[in-house]
Amino acid sequence: MSEKAKIHFRNRSFMARVTDKGDEPIQCTPVVYDEAYNFGVGVFYEDGKGQVWGMVTPRNLIAAWRATEILRHLDVIEPGTLCCAYYTGMRDPHESDMKSRIEPTIAKIGRATYDAIMSMPVPEQIVRAILDNQKDDFAPSLYPITEEVRAGTIQWRQEFADVGISHPDAIDAAERAREETIVKFERLLTSYAGSRNLSRECMGMGYVESALLALVDKSANRTHPDHVLVALAGVVSELAVSEFSMVMVPFGLHGHDAVRTHMDRTKEEAIKHSAGWLISSSKPSGLARFAFWRRQPASFTPGSAAELLRRLLDEYFPPKSEVAAT
């Protein structure tokens, strides 16, 4: 921990044995610390020395505070103890951390103690540390406040909304609206997934759903038919998957021009595929034909469908350089 580190919270001291500091318990003082490239939980020892564990992001002050409470119930501080305490203090940890970090820590302090710690009201000192340090280059994360409001360990107040924190009820309402939107488009999404030989539940279709929801947020559904929106979302998803793949596996592409050429090629291939699907999805059969055509525009040709998708792509998802220029 550097001299520039902030100590947001200093918990009560406790006695514990510390690896490499002898067999007798020594006084330990747990803290929540914060510095530019290393945030988390620390312990100061009676000899003036200490140790810390942290990460750059997310900067979850509440998990770090709970870690200081968890440490106070341990008899031994070993390598990795601070890390495990931090993850155990998280409200909604990742499943991969459960067996390796969280369950062993809960076994050491006891389930009743763990449940009591998770139910403790979050100190105002921690809440203020989150709110008052938002102008920092590495600001504390805001989302843990929403989690704690939902859990009942923090009471909602207008000050939270003023800094952009969402109330759990608003998040739940937005999630219900998203689910209702996806249900509405489910038939078309399933059809589109089949046209690309994709599982309906795969990552690629997740990108399609995200793009579709973005279009609905932009009120594109008030102007364009559902199958056009799905086709456009398909183009956006293929571009997103390509960008993600280039980050993970650069494919030997070097320089801005090479990347742009690759993305332009991907864009045209995505438009061609979505245009083909758009044409096929515009041809209902049987009794549905009459009701369908009352709502839909004239049938597409490959050229008109592709041109429409290019235009809408530029309209709803303009290149970043154009966004910056405006």
Protein backbone atom coordinates (compact mmCIF):
# COMPACT_ATOMS: atom_id res chain seq x y z
CA MET A 1 0.00 0.00 0.00
CA SER A 2 1.48 3.33 -1.04
CA GLU A 3 1.54 6.53 0.98
CA LYS A 4 -1.10 7.97 -1.39
CA ALA A 5 -3.64 5.29 -0.53
CA LYS A 6 -6.94 6.35 1.04
CA ILE A 7 -8.23 4.48 4.06
CA HIS A 8 -11.99 4.60 3.66
CA PHE A 9 -12.77 2.48 6.71
CA ARG A 10 -10.86 1.14 9.70
CA ASN A 11 -12.59 -1.72 11.55
CA ARG A 12 -12.03 -2.88 15.12
CA SER A 13 -8.82 -4.76 15.79
CA PHE A 14 -8.75 -8.50 16.47
CA MET A 15 -6.20 -11.12 17.45
CA ALA A 16 -5.05 -13.77 14.96
CA ARG A 17 -2.03 -15.81 14.02
CA VAL A 18 -0.36 -14.55 10.87
CA THR A 19 1.76 -16.65 8.54
CA ASP A 20 5.46 -15.78 8.87
CA LYS A 21 4.84 -13.80 12.08
CA GLY A 22 5.21 -16.54 14.64
CA ASP A 23 2.89 -18.95 16.38
CA GLU A 24 1.31 -16.46 18.77
CA PRO A 25 -1.72 -14.32 17.86
CA ILE A 26 -0.95 -10.65 17.17
CA GLN A 27 -3.17 -7.60 16.92
CA CYS A 28 -4.62 -7.07 13.43
CA THR A 29 -6.56 -4.03 12.20
CA PRO A 30 -8.57 -4.56 9.00
CA VAL A 31 -9.12 -1.63 6.62
CA VAL A 32 -10.77 -0.72 3.34
CA TYR A 33 -8.13 1.02 1.24
CA ASP A 34 -8.19 2.71 -2.15
CA GLU A 35 -5.40 3.75 -4.47
CA ALA A 36 -5.28 4.29 -8.20
CA TYR A 37 -4.27 0.84 -9.40
CA ASN A 38 -5.04 -1.33 -6.40
CA PHE A 39 -8.25 -1.22 -4.38
CA GLY A 40 -9.51 -3.65 -1.75
CA VAL A 41 -9.00 -4.90 1.78
CA GLY A 42 -5.92 -4.65 3.96
CA VAL A 43 -4.67 -5.55 7.44
CA PHE A 44 -2.26 -3.56 9.60
CA TYR A 45 -0.29 -5.47 12.25
CA GLU A 46 0.90 -4.32 15.65
CA ASP A 47 4.46 -4.02 14.34
CA GLY A 48 3.32 -1.33 11.89
CA LYS A 49 3.52 -3.56 8.85
CA GLY A 50 0.66 -5.13 6.96
CA GLN A 51 -0.65 -6.67 3.77
CA VAL A 52 -3.29 -5.79 1.20
CA TRP A 53 -5.28 -7.48 -1.52
CA GLY A 54 -7.20 -5.74 -4.28
CA MET A 55 -7.90 -5.15 -7.95
CA VAL A 56 -8.32 -2.25 -10.33
CA THR A 57 -11.99 -2.87 -11.08
CA PRO A 58 -14.70 -3.30 -9.96
CA ARG A 59 -14.15 -1.16 -6.89
CA ASN A 60 -16.72 -2.61 -4.52
CA LEU A 61 -16.27 -0.76 -1.22
CA ILE A 62 -19.12 -2.70 0.38
CA ALA A 63 -17.56 -6.09 -0.36
CA ALA A 64 -14.26 -4.77 1.01
CA TRP A 65 -16.01 -3.54 4.18
CA ARG A 66 -17.64 -6.93 4.66
CA ALA A 67 -14.22 -8.50 4.18
CA THR A 68 -13.00 -6.55 7.22
CA GLU A 69 -15.89 -8.03 9.24
CA ILE A 70 -15.15 -11.54 7.98
CA LEU A 71 -11.45 -11.23 8.87
CA ARG A 72 -12.36 -10.41 12.47
CA HIS A 73 -13.84 -13.90 12.83
CA LEU A 74 -10.77 -15.76 11.57
CA ASP A 75 -8.06 -17.22 13.81
CA VAL A 76 -5.38 -17.33 11.12
CA ILE A 77 -4.37 -14.93 8.34
CA GLU A 78 -2.69 -16.90 5.54
CA PRO A 79 -1.68 -16.08 1.96
CA GLY A 80 -4.94 -15.68 0.03
CA THR A 81 -7.07 -15.01 3.13
CA LEU A 82 -7.74 -11.38 2.23
CA CYS A 83 -8.74 -12.30 -1.31
CA CYS A 84 -11.14 -14.97 -0.07
CA ALA A 85 -12.63 -12.59 2.49
CA TYR A 86 -13.30 -9.99 -0.21
CA TYR A 87 -15.10 -12.45 -2.50
CA THR A 88 -17.06 -13.85 0.43
CA GLY A 89 -18.26 -10.31 1.16
CA MET A 90 -19.75 -9.87 -2.30
CA ARG A 91 -23.53 -9.79 -2.57
CA ASP A 92 -23.83 -11.76 -5.82
CA PRO A 93 -20.56 -13.62 -6.42
CA HIS A 94 -19.73 -15.55 -9.55
CA GLU A 95 -20.41 -19.26 -9.31
CA SER A 96 -16.76 -20.03 -10.11
CA ASP A 97 -15.68 -18.37 -6.84
CA MET A 98 -18.02 -20.36 -4.61
CA LYS A 99 -16.06 -23.59 -4.13
CA SER A 100 -12.55 -22.17 -4.29
CA ARG A 101 -12.96 -19.05 -2.14
CA ILE A 102 -16.35 -18.49 -0.58
CA GLU A 103 -17.50 -21.85 0.74
CA PRO A 104 -14.16 -22.57 2.51
CA THR A 105 -14.31 -19.13 4.16
CA ILE A 106 -17.92 -19.64 5.29
CA ALA A 107 -16.89 -23.01 6.74
CA LYS A 108 -14.23 -21.25 8.83
CA ILE A 109 -16.47 -18.52 10.29
CA GLY A 110 -19.73 -20.49 10.38
CA ARG A 111 -22.89 -20.09 8.35
CA ALA A 112 -24.70 -18.15 11.11
CA THR A 113 -21.87 -15.62 11.34
CA TYR A 114 -21.77 -15.26 7.56
CA ASP A 115 -25.53 -14.69 7.38
CA ALA A 116 -25.31 -12.11 10.17
CA ILE A 117 -22.52 -10.23 8.38
CA MET A 118 -24.45 -10.21 5.10
CA SER A 119 -27.47 -8.76 6.95
CA MET A 120 -25.56 -5.97 8.72
CA PRO A 121 -26.54 -2.40 7.77
CA VAL A 122 -23.84 -0.83 5.63
CA PRO A 123 -22.07 1.91 7.64
CA GLU A 124 -22.73 5.48 6.54
CA GLN A 125 -18.98 5.94 6.35
CA ILE A 126 -18.85 3.44 3.49
CA VAL A 127 -21.86 4.96 1.73
CA ARG A 128 -20.27 8.40 1.93
CA ALA A 129 -16.96 7.05 0.65
CA ILE A 130 -18.77 5.76 -2.44
CA LEU A 131 -20.71 8.95 -3.10
CA ASP A 132 -18.02 11.48 -2.25
CA ASN A 133 -15.28 9.95 -4.41
CA GLN A 134 -17.11 9.76 -7.74
CA LYS A 135 -14.88 12.44 -9.29
CA ASP A 136 -11.78 10.29 -8.81
CA ASP A 137 -10.14 8.86 -11.91
CA PHE A 138 -10.83 5.43 -10.40
CA ALA A 139 -14.17 6.05 -8.73
CA PRO A 140 -15.82 3.50 -6.41
CA SER A 141 -18.43 1.32 -8.12
CA LEU A 142 -22.04 2.48 -7.70
CA TYR A 143 -23.88 -0.78 -8.44
CA PRO A 144 -23.29 -2.28 -4.95
CA ILE A 145 -25.62 0.37 -3.49
CA THR A 146 -28.45 -0.95 -5.68
CA GLU A 147 -27.69 -4.48 -4.47
CA GLU A 148 -27.81 -3.38 -0.83
CA VAL A 149 -31.04 -1.41 -1.25
CA ARG A 150 -32.57 -4.60 -2.63
CA ALA A 151 -31.19 -6.60 0.31
CA GLY A 152 -32.44 -4.05 2.86
CA THR A 153 -29.04 -3.12 4.29
CA ILE A 154 -29.21 0.42 2.86
CA GLN A 155 -32.29 2.64 2.77
CA TRP A 156 -33.01 4.34 -0.56
CA ARG A 157 -32.62 8.11 -0.75
CA GLN A 158 -32.84 10.71 -3.50
CA GLU A 159 -29.11 11.34 -3.30
CA PHE A 160 -28.54 7.96 -4.94
CA ALA A 161 -30.68 8.82 -7.97
CA ASP A 162 -28.87 12.15 -8.29
CA VAL A 163 -25.57 10.37 -9.01
CA GLY A 164 -27.11 7.88 -11.42
CA ILE A 165 -27.82 4.89 -9.16
CA SER A 166 -30.87 2.88 -10.20
CA HIS A 167 -33.52 1.75 -7.72
CA PRO A 168 -34.08 -2.03 -7.74
CA ASP A 169 -37.74 -1.51 -8.67
CA ALA A 170 -36.71 0.46 -11.76
CA ILE A 171 -34.22 -2.25 -12.73
CA ASP A 172 -36.86 -4.95 -12.27
CA ALA A 173 -39.38 -3.01 -14.36
CA ALA A 174 -36.82 -2.52 -17.14
CA GLU A 175 -35.95 -6.22 -17.07
CA ARG A 176 -39.62 -7.18 -17.34
CA ALA A 177 -39.98 -4.85 -20.30
CA ARG A 178 -36.93 -6.42 -21.97
CA GLU A 179 -38.31 -9.91 -21.41
CA GLU A 180 -41.68 -8.90 -22.85
CA THR A 181 -39.93 -7.47 -25.90
CA ILE A 182 -37.97 -10.66 -26.48
CA VAL A 183 -41.15 -12.76 -26.13
CA LYS A 184 -42.83 -10.57 -28.74
CA PHE A 185 -39.97 -11.18 -31.20
CA GLU A 186 -39.37 -14.83 -30.26
CA ARG A 187 -40.75 -16.38 -33.45
CA LEU A 188 -38.59 -14.15 -35.63
CA LEU A 189 -35.53 -14.59 -33.43
CA THR A 190 -35.87 -18.37 -33.63
CA SER A 191 -36.19 -18.13 -37.39
CA TYR A 192 -33.12 -15.92 -37.66
CA ALA A 193 -31.09 -18.26 -35.43
CA GLY A 194 -32.05 -21.15 -37.71
CA SER A 195 -30.94 -19.22 -40.80
CA ARG A 196 -27.46 -18.91 -39.29
CA ASN A 197 -27.39 -22.45 -37.90
CA LEU A 198 -27.12 -21.03 -34.38
CA SER A 199 -28.55 -22.30 -31.13
CA ARG A 200 -31.27 -19.94 -29.94
CA GLU A 201 -29.45 -19.61 -26.60
CA CYS A 202 -25.90 -19.03 -27.89
CA MET A 203 -23.72 -15.95 -27.38
CA GLY A 204 -24.29 -14.79 -30.95
CA MET A 205 -28.05 -14.68 -30.44
CA GLY A 206 -27.43 -12.85 -27.18
CA TYR A 207 -25.82 -10.11 -29.27
CA VAL A 208 -28.88 -10.13 -31.56
CA GLU A 209 -31.16 -9.67 -28.55
CA SER A 210 -29.03 -6.81 -27.21
CA ALA A 211 -29.08 -5.01 -30.55
CA LEU A 212 -32.83 -5.57 -30.85
CA LEU A 213 -33.43 -4.10 -27.39
CA ALA A 214 -31.27 -1.11 -28.31
CA LEU A 215 -33.43 -0.54 -31.39
CA VAL A 216 -36.60 -0.67 -29.32
CA ASP A 217 -35.04 1.79 -26.84
CA LYS A 218 -34.46 4.10 -29.83
CA SER A 219 -38.16 3.69 -30.81
CA ALA A 220 -37.23 2.07 -34.13
CA ASN A 221 -40.18 -0.29 -33.65
CA ARG A 222 -42.56 2.63 -34.15
CA THR A 223 -41.31 3.11 -37.70
CA HIS A 224 -40.14 -0.27 -38.97
CA PRO A 225 -41.70 -3.76 -39.08
CA ASP A 226 -40.53 -6.41 -36.62
CA HIS A 227 -38.73 -8.56 -39.18
CA VAL A 228 -36.71 -5.53 -40.36
CA LEU A 229 -35.59 -4.86 -36.79
CA VAL A 230 -34.48 -8.47 -36.31
CA ALA A 231 -32.59 -8.43 -39.60
CA LEU A 232 -30.82 -5.21 -38.61
CA ALA A 233 -30.07 -6.60 -35.14
CA GLY A 234 -28.54 -9.60 -36.89
CA VAL A 235 -26.14 -7.35 -38.80
CA VAL A 236 -25.15 -5.52 -35.63
CA SER A 237 -24.61 -8.80 -33.80
CA GLU A 238 -22.28 -10.18 -36.48
CA LEU A 239 -20.21 -6.99 -36.34
CA ALA A 240 -20.07 -7.23 -32.54
CA VAL A 241 -18.98 -10.88 -32.65
CA SER A 242 -16.29 -10.00 -35.20
CA GLU A 243 -14.97 -7.17 -33.02
CA PHE A 244 -14.94 -9.46 -29.99
CA SER A 245 -13.09 -12.14 -31.94
CA MET A 246 -10.44 -9.67 -33.09
CA VAL A 247 -9.80 -8.68 -29.49
CA MET A 248 -9.44 -12.30 -28.41
CA VAL A 249 -7.62 -13.56 -31.54
CA PRO A 250 -6.20 -10.73 -33.71
CA PHE A 251 -6.03 -12.96 -36.86
CA GLY A 252 -2.72 -11.35 -37.79
CA LEU A 253 -4.41 -8.04 -38.66
CA HIS A 254 -2.00 -5.14 -38.29
CA GLY A 255 -2.84 -1.49 -38.63
CA HIS A 256 -6.05 0.52 -38.81
CA ASP A 257 -6.54 -0.04 -42.54
CA ALA A 258 -6.36 -3.83 -42.23
CA VAL A 259 -8.87 -3.86 -39.39
CA ARG A 260 -11.21 -1.53 -41.26
CA THR A 261 -11.02 -3.67 -44.40
CA HIS A 262 -11.83 -6.77 -42.35
CA MET A 263 -14.80 -5.07 -40.64
CA ASP A 264 -16.10 -3.68 -43.97
CA ARG A 265 -16.01 -7.19 -45.43
CA THR A 266 -17.78 -8.57 -42.35
CA LYS A 267 -20.39 -5.84 -42.61
CA GLU A 268 -21.21 -6.64 -46.25
CA GLU A 269 -21.39 -10.37 -45.53
CA ALA A 270 -23.67 -9.72 -42.54
CA ILE A 271 -25.92 -7.44 -44.60
CA LYS A 272 -26.10 -10.01 -47.40
CA HIS A 273 -27.12 -12.75 -44.99
CA SER A 274 -29.68 -10.62 -43.12
CA ALA A 275 -31.09 -9.33 -46.40
CA GLY A 276 -31.62 -12.92 -47.54
CA TRP A 277 -33.35 -13.80 -44.31
CA LEU A 278 -35.42 -10.61 -44.48
CA ILE A 279 -36.73 -11.58 -47.91
CA SER A 280 -37.62 -15.10 -46.77
CA SER A 281 -39.28 -13.85 -43.57
CA SER A 282 -41.44 -11.47 -45.61
CA LYS A 283 -43.23 -14.34 -47.35
CA PRO A 284 -45.91 -15.77 -45.05
CA SER A 285 -48.09 -18.61 -46.19
CA GLY A 286 -51.56 -19.91 -45.59
CA LEU A 287 -54.24 -17.99 -43.67
CA ALA A 288 -51.65 -15.63 -42.16
CA ARG A 289 -50.93 -14.09 -45.58
CA PHE A 290 -53.76 -11.55 -45.65
CA ALA A 291 -53.28 -10.19 -42.12
CA PHE A 292 -49.51 -10.08 -42.61
CA TRP A 293 -49.55 -8.07 -45.82
CA ARG A 294 -51.95 -5.53 -44.42
CA ARG A 295 -49.16 -4.50 -42.02
CA GLN A 296 -46.04 -4.97 -44.13
CA PRO A 297 -44.47 -3.00 -47.01
CA ALA A 298 -44.03 -4.34 -50.50
CA SER A 299 -41.82 -7.41 -50.83
CA PHE A 300 -38.07 -6.90 -50.85
CA THR A 301 -35.54 -7.64 -53.53
CA PRO A 302 -31.97 -8.55 -52.53
CA GLY A 303 -30.83 -5.07 -53.51
CA SER A 304 -33.60 -3.16 -51.74
CA ALA A 305 -33.28 -5.24 -48.57
CA ALA A 306 -29.51 -4.73 -48.44
CA GLU A 307 -29.83 -1.00 -49.10
CA LEU A 308 -32.44 -0.66 -46.35
CA LEU A 309 -30.20 -2.42 -43.84
CA ARG A 310 -27.20 -0.24 -44.77
CA ARG A 311 -29.27 2.90 -44.31
CA LEU A 312 -30.74 1.82 -40.98
CA LEU A 313 -27.35 0.66 -39.73
CA ASP A 314 -25.95 4.14 -40.35
CA GLU A 315 -29.04 5.75 -38.82
CA TYR A 316 -29.27 3.74 -35.59
CA PHE A 317 -25.67 2.60 -35.14
CA PRO A 318 -23.49 5.31 -36.72
CA PRO A 319 -19.71 4.78 -36.72
CA LYS A 320 -18.05 6.00 -33.53
CA SER A 321 -16.09 8.65 -35.40
CA GLU A 322 -19.34 10.17 -36.68
CA VAL A 323 -20.84 10.13 -33.20
CA ALA A 324 -17.79 11.93 -31.83
CA ALA A 325 -17.97 14.52 -34.62
CA THR A 326 -21.57 15.35 -33.78
